[in-house]
């Protein structure tokens, strides 16, 4: 697998999306981009907090 692929495992299939495909989907629906950014910030904060606890 390449460095810019995301694997999504669903009950009946496995999806492999490439960077360009993901960017094309996000351009069509920018609200998903904004939502993902917010989620990413929260994820990053949680990781930092967990690393400080250890």
N, C-alpha and C. Protein backbone atom coordinates (compact mmCIF):
# COMPACT_ATOMS: atom_id res chain seq x y z
N UNK A 1 0.82 -1.19 0.00
CA UNK A 1 0.00 0.00 0.00
C UNK A 1 0.86 1.24 0.00
N UNK A 2 0.34 2.28 -0.62
CA UNK A 2 1.07 3.54 -0.69
C UNK A 2 0.96 4.34 0.59
N UNK A 3 1.68 5.40 0.63
CA UNK A 3 1.71 6.22 1.85
C UNK A 3 0.47 7.08 2.00
N UNK A 4 -0.27 7.30 0.93
CA UNK A 4 -1.42 8.21 0.97
C UNK A 4 -2.74 7.49 0.77
N UNK A 5 -2.89 6.36 1.43
CA UNK A 5 -4.13 5.61 1.31
C UNK A 5 -4.75 5.41 2.67
N UNK A 6 -6.07 5.43 2.69
CA UNK A 6 -6.81 5.15 3.91
C UNK A 6 -7.63 3.90 3.67
N UNK A 7 -7.54 2.97 4.59
CA UNK A 7 -8.29 1.73 4.50
C UNK A 7 -9.47 1.82 5.46
N UNK A 8 -10.65 1.56 4.93
CA UNK A 8 -11.87 1.58 5.74
C UNK A 8 -12.49 0.20 5.66
N UNK A 9 -12.61 -0.44 6.80
CA UNK A 9 -13.19 -1.79 6.84
C UNK A 9 -14.66 -1.68 7.25
N UNK A 10 -15.52 -2.16 6.37
CA UNK A 10 -16.95 -2.19 6.61
C UNK A 10 -17.40 -3.64 6.69
N UNK A 11 -18.61 -3.91 7.17
CA UNK A 11 -19.04 -5.30 7.33
C UNK A 11 -18.91 -6.18 6.08
N UNK A 12 -19.20 -5.64 4.92
CA UNK A 12 -19.18 -6.48 3.73
C UNK A 12 -18.12 -6.12 2.70
N UNK A 13 -17.26 -5.15 3.03
CA UNK A 13 -16.26 -4.75 2.06
C UNK A 13 -15.12 -3.98 2.73
N UNK A 14 -14.07 -3.79 1.98
CA UNK A 14 -12.94 -2.98 2.41
C UNK A 14 -12.74 -1.90 1.35
N UNK A 15 -12.69 -0.64 1.79
CA UNK A 15 -12.47 0.47 0.89
C UNK A 15 -11.03 0.96 1.05
N UNK A 16 -10.39 1.28 -0.05
CA UNK A 16 -9.06 1.88 -0.01
C UNK A 16 -9.14 3.15 -0.85
N UNK A 17 -9.01 4.29 -0.18
CA UNK A 17 -9.11 5.58 -0.85
C UNK A 17 -7.73 6.23 -0.93
N UNK A 18 -7.43 6.79 -2.07
CA UNK A 18 -6.16 7.49 -2.28
C UNK A 18 -6.34 8.97 -1.97
N UNK A 19 -5.23 9.64 -1.74
CA UNK A 19 -5.23 11.06 -1.36
C UNK A 19 -6.04 11.91 -2.33
N UNK A 20 -5.82 11.75 -3.61
CA UNK A 20 -6.53 12.56 -4.61
C UNK A 20 -8.04 12.32 -4.56
N UNK A 21 -8.44 11.09 -4.34
CA UNK A 21 -9.86 10.75 -4.27
C UNK A 21 -10.51 11.40 -3.05
N UNK A 22 -9.80 11.37 -1.94
CA UNK A 22 -10.33 11.98 -0.71
C UNK A 22 -10.47 13.49 -0.89
N UNK A 23 -9.45 14.11 -1.47
CA UNK A 23 -9.50 15.56 -1.69
C UNK A 23 -10.65 15.94 -2.62
N UNK A 24 -10.89 15.14 -3.65
CA UNK A 24 -11.99 15.41 -4.57
C UNK A 24 -13.34 15.33 -3.85
N UNK A 25 -13.50 14.35 -2.97
CA UNK A 25 -14.75 14.23 -2.21
C UNK A 25 -14.93 15.41 -1.26
N UNK A 26 -13.84 15.84 -0.61
CA UNK A 26 -13.93 16.95 0.33
C UNK A 26 -14.26 18.26 -0.38
N UNK A 27 -13.78 18.45 -1.60
CA UNK A 27 -14.10 19.66 -2.36
C UNK A 27 -15.58 19.75 -2.67
N UNK A 28 -16.21 18.60 -2.89
CA UNK A 28 -17.64 18.57 -3.19
C UNK A 28 -18.46 18.94 -1.95
N UNK A 29 -17.98 18.55 -0.78
CA UNK A 29 -18.73 18.79 0.46
C UNK A 29 -17.80 19.40 1.51
N UNK A 30 -17.58 20.73 1.46
CA UNK A 30 -16.64 21.38 2.39
C UNK A 30 -17.04 21.30 3.86
N UNK A 31 -18.31 21.05 4.14
CA UNK A 31 -18.72 20.95 5.55
C UNK A 31 -18.08 19.72 6.20
N UNK A 32 -17.85 18.67 5.41
CA UNK A 32 -17.16 17.49 5.94
C UNK A 32 -15.72 17.85 6.30
N UNK A 33 -15.10 18.67 5.47
CA UNK A 33 -13.72 19.13 5.73
C UNK A 33 -13.68 19.86 7.08
N UNK A 34 -14.60 20.78 7.30
CA UNK A 34 -14.63 21.56 8.54
C UNK A 34 -14.87 20.65 9.75
N UNK A 35 -15.78 19.72 9.60
CA UNK A 35 -16.08 18.79 10.70
C UNK A 35 -14.86 17.92 11.01
N UNK A 36 -14.18 17.45 9.98
CA UNK A 36 -13.00 16.61 10.17
C UNK A 36 -11.87 17.39 10.84
N UNK A 37 -11.72 18.66 10.48
CA UNK A 37 -10.70 19.50 11.12
C UNK A 37 -10.96 19.65 12.62
N UNK A 38 -12.22 19.90 12.97
CA UNK A 38 -12.57 20.02 14.40
C UNK A 38 -12.28 18.71 15.12
N UNK A 39 -12.65 17.61 14.52
CA UNK A 39 -12.42 16.31 15.12
C UNK A 39 -10.92 16.04 15.25
N UNK A 40 -10.15 16.46 14.26
CA UNK A 40 -8.70 16.27 14.30
C UNK A 40 -8.05 17.06 15.42
N UNK A 41 -8.54 18.27 15.65
CA UNK A 41 -8.00 19.09 16.74
C UNK A 41 -8.26 18.41 18.08
N UNK A 42 -9.46 17.89 18.26
CA UNK A 42 -9.80 17.18 19.50
C UNK A 42 -8.96 15.94 19.68
N UNK A 43 -8.74 15.23 18.59
CA UNK A 43 -7.91 14.02 18.62
C UNK A 43 -6.48 14.37 19.03
N UNK A 44 -5.96 15.44 18.45
CA UNK A 44 -4.60 15.87 18.76
C UNK A 44 -4.46 16.27 20.23
N UNK A 45 -5.44 17.00 20.74
CA UNK A 45 -5.41 17.41 22.14
C UNK A 45 -5.44 16.19 23.06
N UNK A 46 -6.28 15.22 22.73
CA UNK A 46 -6.39 14.01 23.54
C UNK A 46 -5.08 13.25 23.55
N UNK A 47 -4.43 13.12 22.39
CA UNK A 47 -3.14 12.43 22.32
C UNK A 47 -2.10 13.12 23.18
N UNK A 48 -2.06 14.45 23.13
CA UNK A 48 -1.09 15.19 23.93
C UNK A 48 -1.35 15.01 25.42
N UNK A 49 -2.61 15.05 25.81
CA UNK A 49 -2.96 14.87 27.22
C UNK A 49 -2.58 13.47 27.70
N UNK A 50 -2.83 12.47 26.87
CA UNK A 50 -2.48 11.10 27.23
C UNK A 50 -0.97 10.92 27.36
N UNK A 51 -0.21 11.57 26.49
CA UNK A 51 1.25 11.43 26.56
C UNK A 51 1.80 12.12 27.81
N UNK A 52 1.13 13.17 28.27
CA UNK A 52 1.57 13.84 29.50
C UNK A 52 1.31 12.98 30.74
N UNK A 53 0.25 12.17 30.69
CA UNK A 53 -0.09 11.31 31.82
C UNK A 53 0.93 10.20 32.01
N UNK A 54 1.51 9.74 30.92
CA UNK A 54 2.46 8.60 31.00
C UNK A 54 3.79 8.99 31.54
